[in-house]
C-alpha atoms as a PDB file:
ATOM      1  CA  MET A   1       0.929   3.135 -22.077  1.00  0.00           C
ATOM      2  CA  SER A   2       4.499   4.693 -21.657  1.00  0.00           C
ATOM      3  CA  LYS A   3       7.496   1.900 -20.370  1.00  0.00           C
ATOM      4  CA  ARG A   4       7.507   3.533 -16.895  1.00  0.00           C
ATOM      5  CA  MET A   5       3.857   3.315 -16.357  1.00  0.00           C
ATOM      6  CA  THR A   6       3.701  -0.299 -17.775  1.00  0.00           C
ATOM      7  CA  ASP A   7       6.297  -1.188 -14.969  1.00  0.00           C
ATOM      8  CA  LEU A   8       4.431   0.426 -12.643  1.00  0.00           C
ATOM      9  CA  ALA A   9       1.178  -1.487 -13.469  1.00  0.00           C
ATOM     10  CA  GLN A  10       3.346  -4.853 -13.392  1.00  0.00           C
ATOM     11  CA  ARG A  11       4.726  -4.333 -10.055  1.00  0.00           C
ATOM     12  CA  ILE A  12       1.315  -3.097  -8.458  1.00  0.00           C
ATOM     13  CA  GLU A  13      -0.333  -6.507 -10.212  1.00  0.00           C
ATOM     14  CA  ALA A  14       2.177  -8.422  -8.456  1.00  0.00           C
ATOM     15  CA  SER A  15       1.873  -6.784  -5.230  1.00  0.00           C
ATOM     16  CA  LEU A  16      -2.078  -7.213  -5.464  1.00  0.00           C
ATOM     17  CA  ASP A  17      -1.505 -10.968  -6.962  1.00  0.00           C
ATOM     18  CA  SER A  18       0.311 -11.835  -3.138  1.00  0.00           C
ATOM     19  CA  ILE A  19      -3.474 -10.920  -1.258  1.00  0.00           C
ATOM     20  CA  ARG A  20      -6.342 -11.866  -4.429  1.00  0.00           C
ATOM     21  CA  PRO A  21      -5.846 -15.495  -2.933  1.00  0.00           C
ATOM     22  CA  TYR A  22      -7.418 -13.818   0.220  1.00  0.00           C
ATOM     23  CA  LEU A  23     -10.043 -11.657  -1.502  1.00  0.00           C
ATOM     24  CA  GLU A  24     -11.025 -14.653  -3.746  1.00  0.00           C
ATOM     25  CA  ALA A  25     -11.416 -16.878  -1.169  1.00  0.00           C
ATOM     26  CA  ASP A  26     -14.533 -14.737  -0.260  1.00  0.00           C
ATOM     27  CA  GLY A  27     -15.844 -14.214  -3.481  1.00  0.00           C
ATOM     28  CA  GLY A  28     -14.103 -11.076  -4.660  1.00  0.00           C
ATOM     29  CA  ASN A  29     -11.132  -9.248  -6.346  1.00  0.00           C
ATOM     30  CA  VAL A  30      -9.438  -6.246  -7.204  1.00  0.00           C
ATOM     31  CA  LYS A  31      -8.905  -4.656 -10.795  1.00  0.00           C
ATOM     32  CA  LEU A  32      -6.326  -1.933 -11.555  1.00  0.00           C
ATOM     33  CA  SER A  33      -8.300   0.221 -13.153  1.00  0.00           C
ATOM     34  CA  GLN A  34      -6.225   3.819 -13.766  1.00  0.00           C
ATOM     35  CA  ILE A  35      -2.633   4.866 -12.700  1.00  0.00           C
ATOM     36  CA  THR A  36      -2.697   8.665 -13.139  1.00  0.00           C
ATOM     37  CA  ASP A  37       0.501  10.845 -14.464  1.00  0.00           C
ATOM     38  CA  ASP A  38       0.411  11.959 -10.515  1.00  0.00           C
ATOM     39  CA  HIS A  39       0.998   8.357  -9.312  1.00  0.00           C
ATOM     40  CA  ILE A  40      -2.325   8.254  -8.153  1.00  0.00           C
ATOM     41  CA  VAL A  41      -3.602   4.135  -8.217  1.00  0.00           C
ATOM     42  CA  LYS A  42      -7.441   3.939  -8.942  1.00  0.00           C
ATOM     43  CA  LEU A  43      -8.523   0.611  -8.256  1.00  0.00           C
ATOM     44  CA  GLU A  44     -11.971  -1.134  -8.711  1.00  0.00           C
ATOM     45  CA  PHE A  45     -13.189  -4.057  -5.918  1.00  0.00           C
ATOM     46  CA  VAL A  46     -14.863  -6.732  -7.931  1.00  0.00           C
ATOM     47  CA  GLY A  47     -17.180  -9.536  -6.878  1.00  0.00           C
ATOM     48  CA  ALA A  48     -18.340  -9.704  -3.204  1.00  0.00           C
ATOM     49  CA  CYS A  49     -15.746  -7.075  -2.476  1.00  0.00           C
ATOM     50  CA  GLY A  50     -17.537  -4.471  -4.084  1.00  0.00           C
ATOM     51  CA  THR A  51     -20.438  -5.049  -1.910  1.00  0.00           C
ATOM     52  CA  CYS A  52     -18.509  -6.166   1.295  1.00  0.00           C
ATOM     53  CA  PRO A  53     -19.110  -3.827   4.793  1.00  0.00           C
ATOM     54  CA  MET A  54     -15.594  -4.862   5.041  1.00  0.00           C
ATOM     55  CA  SER A  55     -14.272  -3.558   2.115  1.00  0.00           C
ATOM     56  CA  THR A  56     -12.970  -0.518   3.672  1.00  0.00           C
ATOM     57  CA  MET A  57     -10.828  -2.427   6.115  1.00  0.00           C
ATOM     58  CA  THR A  58      -9.714  -4.749   3.306  1.00  0.00           C
ATOM     59  CA  PHE A  59      -8.487  -2.132   1.489  1.00  0.00           C
ATOM     60  CA  LYS A  60      -6.801  -0.206   4.040  1.00  0.00           C
ATOM     61  CA  ALA A  61      -5.215  -3.293   6.051  1.00  0.00           C
ATOM     62  CA  GLY A  62      -4.466  -4.955   2.744  1.00  0.00           C
ATOM     63  CA  VAL A  63      -4.502  -3.825  -0.817  1.00  0.00           C
ATOM     64  CA  GLU A  64      -3.215  -0.380   0.180  1.00  0.00           C
ATOM     65  CA  GLU A  65      -0.504  -1.824   2.374  1.00  0.00           C
ATOM     66  CA  ALA A  66       0.613  -4.062  -0.278  1.00  0.00           C
ATOM     67  CA  ILE A  67       0.531  -1.405  -3.250  1.00  0.00           C
ATOM     68  CA  LYS A  68       2.766   0.922  -0.828  1.00  0.00           C
ATOM     69  CA  LYS A  69       5.070  -1.751   0.228  1.00  0.00           C
ATOM     70  CA  ALA A  70       5.915  -2.871  -3.384  1.00  0.00           C
ATOM     71  CA  VAL A  71       5.671   0.193  -5.114  1.00  0.00           C
ATOM     72  CA  PRO A  72       6.901   3.019  -2.906  1.00  0.00           C
ATOM     73  CA  GLU A  73       6.729   5.663  -5.637  1.00  0.00           C
ATOM     74  CA  ILE A  74       2.936   5.433  -6.004  1.00  0.00           C
ATOM     75  CA  LYS A  75       1.247   8.827  -3.981  1.00  0.00           C
ATOM     76  CA  GLY A  76      -1.896   7.838  -3.679  1.00  0.00           C
ATOM     77  CA  ILE A  77      -4.384   4.719  -3.662  1.00  0.00           C
ATOM     78  CA  GLU A  78      -8.268   5.155  -4.696  1.00  0.00           C
ATOM     79  CA  VAL A  79     -10.860   2.373  -4.607  1.00  0.00           C
ATOM     80  CA  ILE A  80     -13.654   4.011  -7.646  1.00  0.00           C
ATOM     81  CA  ASN A  81     -16.332   1.997  -6.387  1.00  0.00           C
ATOM     82  CA  LEU A  82     -15.668   1.878  -2.485  1.00  0.00           C
ATOM     83  CA  THR A  83     -18.425   0.982  -0.164  1.00  0.00           C
ATOM     84  CA  VAL A  84     -18.168   3.230   3.066  1.00  0.00           C
ATOM     85  CA  ASN A  85     -20.707   1.654   5.653  1.00  0.00           C
END
């Protein structure tokens, strides 16, 4: 991974760390899966977050907002296992 991508990954992880306590309180978490060359972040919900009916709302209001605020150069964010209910 290039130094630039490593820096992006570290900043994304730091933004996720700010919301992880809330996810962990409900038995879940989020994992950074990939950052594409065109700055698309791919995440995976784990634990209870992977099957929670509120995961779409959690993603939009929490995870996506935290990343976009901390790492504005990210062009898009996808959750590879998001269950849409």
